[in-house]
Amino acid sequence: MALEWWGQRVAVLTLAHPDPQSACAALTPTDPTRAPEPPANQEPARGVAARLQAYAAGHPDDFRDLPLAFDHLTPFQQSVLLACRQIPYGQTVRYAQLAAKLGTPSAARAVGNALARNPLPILIPCHRVIGAGNKLGGFSAPGGLATKRHLLAIEARWAPGRRFSLQ
């Protein structure tokens, strides 16, 4: 995994790379007009990195307290990401449900397109959004659907009574 910061906010997270060099090389600016701004105090970055490592090891975390930078996205993309951020750990919703929650019930495909451009996977848990009929839908991180399955499996261990039977 690799993180890009804009001041005190996390702007980009890339994951599922074979080594640190590949993860850093995969960081693509979400706003080409803006350069990364490492936080003046490195402790927040270290804290987020430690939390992500713990998450990957199976320790529950919803990351909702982290300051994130996605204000450069369109208002629709922002609304999708904010709604997605509210999906509880260990639960899933369908693209159509998320669209309906936003007041645009016919926009499931647009929701999927916005999530495909999510610059902060895991921190904004787009892996928790699935298609109709419990189909996984898509996942744009390296590893694609295998990575999405893995993230859902991590969370399923800590979601009492929740069973995932995804295709």
N, C-alpha and C. Protein backbone atom coordinates (compact mmCIF):
# COMPACT_ATOMS: atom_id res chain seq x y z
N MET A 1 0.84 -1.18 0.00
CA MET A 1 0.00 0.00 0.00
C MET A 1 0.89 1.24 0.00
N ALA A 2 0.33 2.31 -0.54
CA ALA A 2 1.02 3.61 -0.48
C ALA A 2 -0.04 4.69 -0.33
N LEU A 3 0.33 5.76 0.37
CA LEU A 3 -0.57 6.88 0.63
C LEU A 3 0.00 8.16 0.05
N GLU A 4 -0.89 9.02 -0.42
CA GLU A 4 -0.51 10.39 -0.79
C GLU A 4 -1.31 11.32 0.10
N TRP A 5 -0.64 12.33 0.61
CA TRP A 5 -1.28 13.29 1.52
C TRP A 5 -1.36 14.66 0.87
N TRP A 6 -2.40 15.39 1.21
CA TRP A 6 -2.51 16.82 0.91
C TRP A 6 -2.61 17.50 2.26
N GLY A 7 -1.50 17.96 2.76
CA GLY A 7 -1.48 18.56 4.09
C GLY A 7 -1.85 17.52 5.13
N GLN A 8 -2.92 17.76 5.86
CA GLN A 8 -3.34 16.84 6.93
C GLN A 8 -4.41 15.87 6.47
N ARG A 9 -4.67 15.78 5.15
CA ARG A 9 -5.71 14.89 4.64
C ARG A 9 -5.12 13.84 3.71
N VAL A 10 -5.64 12.62 3.79
CA VAL A 10 -5.23 11.56 2.88
C VAL A 10 -5.94 11.78 1.55
N ALA A 11 -5.18 11.78 0.46
CA ALA A 11 -5.75 12.07 -0.85
C ALA A 11 -5.83 10.84 -1.75
N VAL A 12 -4.86 9.94 -1.65
CA VAL A 12 -4.82 8.76 -2.51
C VAL A 12 -4.30 7.58 -1.69
N LEU A 13 -4.91 6.43 -1.90
CA LEU A 13 -4.42 5.17 -1.34
C LEU A 13 -4.38 4.17 -2.48
N THR A 14 -3.27 3.53 -2.63
CA THR A 14 -3.17 2.45 -3.61
C THR A 14 -2.81 1.18 -2.84
N LEU A 15 -3.36 0.05 -3.29
CA LEU A 15 -3.20 -1.18 -2.53
C LEU A 15 -3.04 -2.38 -3.43
N ALA A 16 -2.72 -3.49 -2.81
CA ALA A 16 -2.60 -4.80 -3.48
C ALA A 16 -1.45 -4.85 -4.49
N HIS A 17 -0.33 -4.28 -4.10
CA HIS A 17 0.87 -4.32 -4.95
C HIS A 17 1.87 -5.30 -4.35
N PRO A 18 2.74 -5.87 -5.18
CA PRO A 18 3.67 -6.90 -4.68
C PRO A 18 4.79 -6.36 -3.78
N ASP A 19 5.10 -5.06 -3.90
CA ASP A 19 6.19 -4.50 -3.10
C ASP A 19 5.99 -2.99 -2.96
N PRO A 20 6.71 -2.37 -2.01
CA PRO A 20 6.54 -0.93 -1.79
C PRO A 20 6.84 -0.07 -3.01
N GLN A 21 7.82 -0.46 -3.80
CA GLN A 21 8.16 0.32 -4.99
C GLN A 21 7.00 0.35 -5.98
N SER A 22 6.36 -0.80 -6.18
CA SER A 22 5.21 -0.86 -7.09
C SER A 22 4.05 -0.03 -6.56
N ALA A 23 3.84 -0.07 -5.25
CA ALA A 23 2.74 0.71 -4.66
C ALA A 23 2.98 2.20 -4.86
N CYS A 24 4.20 2.65 -4.60
CA CYS A 24 4.51 4.08 -4.78
C CYS A 24 4.42 4.49 -6.25
N ALA A 25 4.88 3.61 -7.14
CA ALA A 25 4.81 3.92 -8.57
C ALA A 25 3.36 4.01 -9.05
N ALA A 26 2.46 3.32 -8.38
CA ALA A 26 1.05 3.31 -8.79
C ALA A 26 0.28 4.53 -8.30
N LEU A 27 0.88 5.32 -7.43
CA LEU A 27 0.19 6.53 -6.98
C LEU A 27 0.05 7.46 -8.17
N THR A 28 -1.18 7.69 -8.57
CA THR A 28 -1.43 8.63 -9.65
C THR A 28 -2.20 9.80 -9.07
N PRO A 29 -1.80 11.00 -9.39
CA PRO A 29 -2.47 12.15 -8.81
C PRO A 29 -3.95 12.18 -9.17
N THR A 30 -4.78 12.38 -8.18
CA THR A 30 -6.20 12.50 -8.44
C THR A 30 -6.53 13.89 -8.96
N ASP A 31 -5.65 14.83 -8.71
CA ASP A 31 -5.80 16.19 -9.21
C ASP A 31 -4.44 16.60 -9.77
N PRO A 32 -4.26 16.49 -11.10
CA PRO A 32 -2.94 16.76 -11.68
C PRO A 32 -2.45 18.19 -11.47
N THR A 33 -3.33 19.10 -11.07
CA THR A 33 -2.91 20.48 -10.84
C THR A 33 -2.36 20.68 -9.43
N ARG A 34 -2.41 19.63 -8.63
CA ARG A 34 -2.00 19.77 -7.23
C ARG A 34 -0.91 18.76 -6.89
N ALA A 35 0.14 19.23 -6.27
CA ALA A 35 1.24 18.35 -5.86
C ALA A 35 0.95 17.78 -4.48
N PRO A 36 1.44 16.57 -4.20
CA PRO A 36 1.29 16.03 -2.85
C PRO A 36 1.91 16.97 -1.82
N GLU A 37 1.28 17.05 -0.66
CA GLU A 37 1.78 17.87 0.44
C GLU A 37 1.93 16.97 1.65
N PRO A 38 3.12 16.41 1.87
CA PRO A 38 3.29 15.55 3.04
C PRO A 38 2.93 16.32 4.31
N PRO A 39 2.31 15.65 5.28
CA PRO A 39 1.96 16.35 6.51
C PRO A 39 3.22 16.84 7.22
N ALA A 40 3.13 18.02 7.82
CA ALA A 40 4.28 18.58 8.55
C ALA A 40 4.69 17.63 9.67
N ASN A 41 3.72 17.04 10.31
CA ASN A 41 3.97 16.06 11.37
C ASN A 41 3.72 14.68 10.77
N GLN A 42 4.72 13.82 10.77
CA GLN A 42 4.60 12.50 10.16
C GLN A 42 3.80 11.50 10.99
N GLU A 43 3.47 11.84 12.22
CA GLU A 43 2.74 10.90 13.07
C GLU A 43 1.38 10.50 12.48
N PRO A 44 0.59 11.42 11.92
CA PRO A 44 -0.67 10.97 11.32
C PRO A 44 -0.46 9.94 10.21
N ALA A 45 0.56 10.13 9.38
CA ALA A 45 0.84 9.17 8.30
C ALA A 45 1.23 7.83 8.88
N ARG A 46 2.06 7.83 9.89
CA ARG A 46 2.45 6.58 10.53
C ARG A 46 1.24 5.90 11.17
N GLY A 47 0.37 6.69 11.78
CA GLY A 47 -0.83 6.14 12.40
C GLY A 47 -1.76 5.49 11.40
N VAL A 48 -1.96 6.13 10.25
CA VAL A 48 -2.82 5.56 9.21
C VAL A 48 -2.19 4.29 8.66
N ALA A 49 -0.89 4.32 8.44
CA ALA A 49 -0.20 3.13 7.93
C ALA A 49 -0.36 1.96 8.92
N ALA A 50 -0.20 2.23 10.20
CA ALA A 50 -0.35 1.17 11.21
C ALA A 50 -1.77 0.64 11.23
N ARG A 51 -2.75 1.53 11.11
CA ARG A 51 -4.15 1.10 11.09
C ARG A 51 -4.45 0.25 9.86
N LEU A 52 -3.91 0.63 8.71
CA LEU A 52 -4.13 -0.15 7.50
C LEU A 52 -3.48 -1.53 7.61
N GLN A 53 -2.31 -1.59 8.21
CA GLN A 53 -1.66 -2.88 8.42
C GLN A 53 -2.49 -3.75 9.36
N ALA A 54 -3.03 -3.16 10.41
CA ALA A 54 -3.87 -3.91 11.35
C ALA A 54 -5.15 -4.39 10.64
N TYR A 55 -5.73 -3.53 9.82
CA TYR A 55 -6.92 -3.91 9.05
C TYR A 55 -6.61 -5.12 8.17
N ALA A 56 -5.49 -5.05 7.45
CA ALA A 56 -5.11 -6.15 6.57
C ALA A 56 -4.87 -7.44 7.34
N ALA A 57 -4.48 -7.31 8.61
CA ALA A 57 -4.27 -8.48 9.45
C ALA A 57 -5.57 -8.98 10.07
N GLY A 58 -6.68 -8.27 9.80
CA GLY A 58 -7.97 -8.73 10.28
C GLY A 58 -8.57 -7.99 11.44
N HIS A 59 -8.00 -6.85 11.83
CA HIS A 59 -8.54 -6.08 12.94
C HIS A 59 -9.53 -5.04 12.42
N PRO A 60 -10.76 -5.03 12.92
CA PRO A 60 -11.79 -4.13 12.41
C PRO A 60 -11.43 -2.66 12.57
N ASP A 61 -11.73 -1.89 11.55
CA ASP A 61 -11.55 -0.43 11.58
C ASP A 61 -12.42 0.13 10.46
N ASP A 62 -13.18 1.17 10.75
CA ASP A 62 -14.00 1.75 9.68
C ASP A 62 -13.37 3.02 9.10
N PHE A 63 -12.33 3.54 9.69
CA PHE A 63 -11.55 4.68 9.19
C PHE A 63 -12.38 5.96 9.02
N ARG A 64 -13.57 6.01 9.60
CA ARG A 64 -14.43 7.18 9.40
C ARG A 64 -13.89 8.45 10.03
N ASP A 65 -12.97 8.33 10.95
CA ASP A 65 -12.43 9.50 11.63
C ASP A 65 -11.32 10.19 10.84
N LEU A 66 -10.83 9.56 9.79
CA LEU A 66 -9.71 10.13 9.04
C LEU A 66 -10.14 11.29 8.16
N PRO A 67 -9.35 12.36 8.14
CA PRO A 67 -9.63 13.46 7.22
C PRO A 67 -9.18 13.07 5.81
N LEU A 68 -10.11 13.10 4.87
CA LEU A 68 -9.83 12.68 3.50
C LEU A 68 -9.98 13.86 2.54
N ALA A 69 -9.22 13.83 1.47
CA ALA A 69 -9.26 14.88 0.46
C ALA A 69 -9.90 14.32 -0.80
N PHE A 70 -11.14 14.71 -1.06
CA PHE A 70 -11.76 14.38 -2.34
C PHE A 70 -12.65 15.52 -2.80
N ASP A 71 -12.36 16.72 -2.32
CA ASP A 71 -13.14 17.89 -2.67
C ASP A 71 -12.90 18.34 -4.11
N HIS A 72 -11.91 17.78 -4.79
CA HIS A 72 -11.64 18.12 -6.18
C HIS A 72 -12.54 17.33 -7.14
N LEU A 73 -13.29 16.36 -6.61
CA LEU A 73 -14.18 15.55 -7.44
C LEU A 73 -15.50 16.28 -7.68
N THR A 74 -16.29 15.78 -8.61
CA THR A 74 -17.58 16.41 -8.89
C THR A 74 -18.50 16.27 -7.69
N PRO A 75 -19.50 17.11 -7.58
CA PRO A 75 -20.44 16.97 -6.46
C PRO A 75 -21.10 15.59 -6.41
N PHE A 76 -21.43 15.01 -7.56
CA PHE A 76 -22.03 13.68 -7.55
C PHE A 76 -21.04 12.64 -7.02
N GLN A 77 -19.81 12.68 -7.50
CA GLN A 77 -18.80 11.74 -7.01
C GLN A 77 -18.61 11.90 -5.50
N GLN A 78 -18.56 13.13 -5.03
CA GLN A 78 -18.41 13.37 -3.59
C GLN A 78 -19.58 12.77 -2.82
N SER A 79 -20.79 12.96 -3.32
CA SER A 79 -21.96 12.43 -2.61
C SER A 79 -21.93 10.90 -2.57
N VAL A 80 -21.49 10.28 -3.65
CA VAL A 80 -21.38 8.81 -3.68
C VAL A 80 -20.35 8.35 -2.67
N LEU A 81 -19.19 9.00 -2.65
CA LEU A 81 -18.13 8.59 -1.74
C LEU A 81 -18.52 8.82 -0.28
N LEU A 82 -19.20 9.92 0.00
CA LEU A 82 -19.66 10.17 1.37
C LEU A 82 -20.69 9.13 1.80
N ALA A 83 -21.60 8.77 0.91
CA ALA A 83 -22.60 7.75 1.24
C ALA A 83 -21.92 6.39 1.43
N CYS A 84 -20.98 6.09 0.59
CA CYS A 84 -20.26 4.81 0.68
C CYS A 84 -19.49 4.74 2.00
N ARG A 85 -18.95 5.85 2.41
CA ARG A 85 -18.16 5.89 3.66
C ARG A 85 -19.01 5.52 4.87
N GLN A 86 -20.33 5.65 4.75
CA GLN A 86 -21.22 5.35 5.87
C GLN A 86 -21.65 3.88 5.94
N ILE A 87 -21.25 3.07 4.97
CA ILE A 87 -21.61 1.65 5.00
C ILE A 87 -20.85 1.01 6.16
N PRO A 88 -21.55 0.40 7.10
CA PRO A 88 -20.88 -0.17 8.27
C PRO A 88 -19.91 -1.29 7.90
N TYR A 89 -18.89 -1.40 8.70
CA TYR A 89 -17.90 -2.48 8.58
C TYR A 89 -18.62 -3.82 8.57
N GLY A 90 -18.25 -4.68 7.64
CA GLY A 90 -18.81 -6.02 7.59
C GLY A 90 -20.17 -6.12 6.93
N GLN A 91 -20.67 -5.02 6.36
CA GLN A 91 -21.96 -5.06 5.67
C GLN A 91 -21.77 -4.69 4.21
N THR A 92 -22.72 -5.09 3.40
CA THR A 92 -22.69 -4.72 1.99
C THR A 92 -24.01 -4.08 1.61
N VAL A 93 -23.97 -3.27 0.56
CA VAL A 93 -25.17 -2.71 -0.05
C VAL A 93 -25.03 -2.88 -1.55
N ARG A 94 -26.14 -2.84 -2.23
CA ARG A 94 -26.11 -2.94 -3.69
C ARG A 94 -25.95 -1.54 -4.30
N TYR A 95 -25.42 -1.52 -5.51
CA TYR A 95 -25.26 -0.24 -6.21
C TYR A 95 -26.60 0.49 -6.27
N ALA A 96 -27.68 -0.24 -6.56
CA ALA A 96 -29.01 0.38 -6.66
C ALA A 96 -29.45 0.96 -5.32
N GLN A 97 -29.12 0.29 -4.22
CA GLN A 97 -29.48 0.80 -2.90
C GLN A 97 -28.74 2.11 -2.61
N LEU A 98 -27.48 2.16 -2.97
CA LEU A 98 -26.70 3.37 -2.75
C LEU A 98 -27.25 4.51 -3.61
N ALA A 99 -27.61 4.19 -4.85
CA ALA A 99 -28.20 5.20 -5.73
C ALA A 99 -29.51 5.72 -5.14
N ALA A 100 -30.34 4.82 -4.63
CA ALA A 100 -31.62 5.23 -4.03
C ALA A 100 -31.38 6.09 -2.80
N LYS A 101 -30.40 5.75 -2.02
CA LYS A 101 -30.08 6.55 -0.83
C LYS A 101 -29.69 7.98 -1.21
N LEU A 102 -29.10 8.12 -2.38
CA LEU A 102 -28.70 9.45 -2.86
C LEU A 102 -29.86 10.20 -3.52
N GLY A 103 -31.03 9.54 -3.60
CA GLY A 103 -32.18 10.17 -4.24
C GLY A 103 -32.18 10.03 -5.75
N THR A 104 -31.35 9.15 -6.28
CA THR A 104 -31.27 8.93 -7.72
C THR A 104 -31.38 7.42 -7.98
N PRO A 105 -32.57 6.84 -7.76
CA PRO A 105 -32.69 5.38 -7.82
C PRO A 105 -32.34 4.76 -9.17
N SER A 106 -32.37 5.51 -10.23
CA SER A 106 -32.04 4.94 -11.54
C SER A 106 -30.56 5.12 -11.89
N ALA A 107 -29.75 5.56 -10.94
CA ALA A 107 -28.36 5.89 -11.23
C ALA A 107 -27.37 4.86 -10.71
N ALA A 108 -27.76 3.59 -10.65
CA ALA A 108 -26.85 2.56 -10.13
C ALA A 108 -25.57 2.50 -10.95
N ARG A 109 -25.67 2.61 -12.25
CA ARG A 109 -24.47 2.57 -13.11
C ARG A 109 -23.57 3.77 -12.85
N ALA A 110 -24.16 4.95 -12.67
CA ALA A 110 -23.37 6.15 -12.37
C ALA A 110 -22.68 6.02 -11.02
N VAL A 111 -23.37 5.41 -10.05
CA VAL A 111 -22.75 5.14 -8.76
C VAL A 111 -21.54 4.22 -8.94
N GLY A 112 -21.71 3.18 -9.72
CA GLY A 112 -20.60 2.27 -10.00
C GLY A 112 -19.43 2.97 -10.66
N ASN A 113 -19.73 3.87 -11.60
CA ASN A 113 -18.66 4.62 -12.27
C ASN A 113 -17.93 5.54 -11.29
N ALA A 114 -18.68 6.17 -10.38
CA ALA A 114 -18.04 7.03 -9.37
C ALA A 114 -17.15 6.20 -8.45
N LEU A 115 -17.64 5.03 -8.05
CA LEU A 115 -16.85 4.18 -7.16
C LEU A 115 -15.62 3.62 -7.87
N ALA A 116 -15.70 3.42 -9.17
CA ALA A 116 -14.54 2.93 -9.93
C ALA A 116 -13.40 3.95 -9.91
N ARG A 117 -13.73 5.19 -9.64
CA ARG A 117 -12.71 6.26 -9.58
C ARG A 117 -12.36 6.64 -8.14
N ASN A 118 -12.78 5.83 -7.19
CA ASN A 118 -12.50 6.09 -5.78
C ASN A 118 -10.99 6.14 -5.56
N PRO A 119 -10.45 7.29 -5.16
CA PRO A 119 -9.01 7.38 -4.94
C PRO A 119 -8.57 6.83 -3.58
N LEU A 120 -9.55 6.41 -2.76
CA LEU A 120 -9.25 6.00 -1.39
C LEU A 120 -9.91 4.68 -1.01
N PRO A 121 -9.62 3.60 -1.78
CA PRO A 121 -10.23 2.32 -1.42
C PRO A 121 -9.85 1.93 0.02
N ILE A 122 -10.68 1.18 0.64
CA ILE A 122 -10.65 0.79 2.05
C ILE A 122 -11.07 1.96 2.93
N LEU A 123 -10.44 3.13 2.79
CA LEU A 123 -10.82 4.28 3.59
C LEU A 123 -12.23 4.74 3.23
N ILE A 124 -12.55 4.69 1.95
CA ILE A 124 -13.93 4.82 1.47
C ILE A 124 -14.23 3.43 0.92
N PRO A 125 -15.01 2.64 1.66
CA PRO A 125 -15.09 1.19 1.42
C PRO A 125 -15.95 0.78 0.23
N CYS A 126 -15.49 1.11 -0.96
CA CYS A 126 -16.24 0.75 -2.17
C CYS A 126 -16.33 -0.76 -2.35
N HIS A 127 -15.47 -1.52 -1.68
CA HIS A 127 -15.55 -2.98 -1.77
C HIS A 127 -16.84 -3.51 -1.13
N ARG A 128 -17.50 -2.70 -0.32
CA ARG A 128 -18.75 -3.11 0.34
C ARG A 128 -19.98 -2.92 -0.55
N VAL A 129 -19.78 -2.44 -1.76
CA VAL A 129 -20.89 -2.23 -2.68
C VAL A 129 -20.87 -3.34 -3.71
N ILE A 130 -21.99 -4.02 -3.83
CA ILE A 130 -22.09 -5.19 -4.71
C ILE A 130 -23.24 -5.01 -5.68
N GLY A 131 -23.29 -5.89 -6.67
CA GLY A 131 -24.33 -5.83 -7.68
C GLY A 131 -25.58 -6.59 -7.27
N ALA A 132 -26.57 -6.50 -8.12
CA ALA A 132 -27.82 -7.23 -7.90
C ALA A 132 -27.52 -8.73 -7.90
N GLY A 133 -28.30 -9.47 -7.14
CA GLY A 133 -28.12 -10.91 -7.09
C GLY A 133 -26.84 -11.35 -6.39
N ASN A 134 -26.30 -10.49 -5.53
CA ASN A 134 -25.06 -10.76 -4.81
C ASN A 134 -23.85 -10.96 -5.71
N LYS A 135 -23.90 -10.41 -6.91
CA LYS A 135 -22.73 -10.43 -7.78
C LYS A 135 -21.78 -9.33 -7.30
N LEU A 136 -20.50 -9.60 -7.38
CA LEU A 136 -19.54 -8.65 -6.84
C LEU A 136 -19.53 -7.30 -7.55
N GLY A 137 -19.85 -7.27 -8.81
CA GLY A 137 -19.71 -6.03 -9.55
C GLY A 137 -18.27 -5.90 -10.01
N GLY A 138 -17.66 -4.76 -9.79
CA GLY A 138 -16.28 -4.56 -10.20
C GLY A 138 -15.43 -4.08 -9.05
N PHE A 139 -14.13 -4.00 -9.30
CA PHE A 139 -13.19 -3.45 -8.33
C PHE A 139 -11.94 -3.06 -9.10
N SER A 140 -11.56 -1.79 -9.03
CA SER A 140 -10.50 -1.28 -9.90
C SER A 140 -9.09 -1.42 -9.32
N ALA A 141 -8.95 -1.85 -8.09
CA ALA A 141 -7.62 -2.03 -7.51
C ALA A 141 -6.93 -3.23 -8.15
N PRO A 142 -5.59 -3.28 -8.09
CA PRO A 142 -4.90 -4.47 -8.59
C PRO A 142 -5.49 -5.73 -7.94
N GLY A 143 -5.60 -6.76 -8.73
CA GLY A 143 -6.21 -7.99 -8.25
C GLY A 143 -7.70 -8.04 -8.50
N GLY A 144 -8.29 -6.89 -8.83
CA GLY A 144 -9.71 -6.82 -9.18
C GLY A 144 -10.62 -7.50 -8.18
N LEU A 145 -11.46 -8.39 -8.69
CA LEU A 145 -12.47 -9.04 -7.85
C LEU A 145 -11.85 -9.94 -6.77
N ALA A 146 -10.69 -10.49 -7.02
CA ALA A 146 -10.03 -11.30 -5.99
C ALA A 146 -9.68 -10.43 -4.78
N THR A 147 -9.24 -9.20 -5.03
CA THR A 147 -8.95 -8.27 -3.94
C THR A 147 -10.22 -7.89 -3.21
N LYS A 148 -11.29 -7.64 -3.96
CA LYS A 148 -12.58 -7.30 -3.34
C LYS A 148 -13.06 -8.45 -2.46
N ARG A 149 -12.99 -9.67 -2.97
CA ARG A 149 -13.37 -10.84 -2.17
C ARG A 149 -12.55 -10.93 -0.89
N HIS A 150 -11.26 -10.69 -1.02
CA HIS A 150 -10.37 -10.77 0.13
C HIS A 150 -10.76 -9.73 1.20
N LEU A 151 -11.03 -8.50 0.78
CA LEU A 151 -11.43 -7.46 1.74
C LEU A 151 -12.75 -7.82 2.42
N LEU A 152 -13.70 -8.34 1.66
CA LEU A 152 -14.98 -8.75 2.25
C LEU A 152 -14.78 -9.93 3.21
N ALA A 153 -13.88 -10.83 2.88
CA ALA A 153 -13.61 -11.97 3.76
C ALA A 153 -12.97 -11.51 5.07
N ILE A 154 -12.07 -10.55 5.01
CA ILE A 154 -11.48 -9.99 6.23
C ILE A 154 -12.59 -9.47 7.14
N GLU A 155 -13.51 -8.71 6.56
CA GLU A 155 -14.56 -8.09 7.35
C GLU A 155 -15.60 -9.10 7.82
N ALA A 156 -15.84 -10.14 7.05
CA ALA A 156 -16.84 -11.14 7.42
C ALA A 156 -16.47 -11.84 8.72
N ARG A 157 -15.18 -11.98 8.98
CA ARG A 157 -14.75 -12.64 10.22
C ARG A 157 -15.17 -11.86 11.45
N TRP A 158 -15.34 -10.55 11.32
CA TRP A 158 -15.65 -9.70 12.47
C TRP A 158 -17.07 -9.16 12.43
N ALA A 159 -17.89 -9.69 11.55
CA ALA A 159 -19.28 -9.23 11.44
C ALA A 159 -20.19 -10.33 11.96
N PRO A 160 -20.53 -10.31 13.25
CA PRO A 160 -21.34 -11.39 13.82
C PRO A 160 -22.65 -11.62 13.06
N GLY A 161 -22.91 -12.86 12.74
CA GLY A 161 -24.17 -13.21 12.09
C GLY A 161 -24.23 -12.84 10.63
N ARG A 162 -23.22 -12.22 10.10
CA ARG A 162 -23.24 -11.79 8.69
C ARG A 162 -22.53 -12.84 7.86
N ARG A 163 -23.19 -13.34 6.87
CA ARG A 163 -22.56 -14.31 5.97
C ARG A 163 -22.52 -13.71 4.56
N PHE A 164 -21.40 -13.87 3.93
CA PHE A 164 -21.26 -13.39 2.56
C PHE A 164 -21.31 -14.60 1.64
N SER A 165 -22.20 -14.57 0.70
CA SER A 165 -22.23 -15.62 -0.33
C SER A 165 -22.27 -14.89 -1.67
N LEU A 166 -21.14 -14.39 -2.04
CA LEU A 166 -21.04 -13.56 -3.23
C LEU A 166 -20.52 -14.36 -4.40
N GLN A 167 -21.03 -14.02 -5.56
CA GLN A 167 -20.64 -14.71 -6.79
C GLN A 167 -19.59 -13.92 -7.54
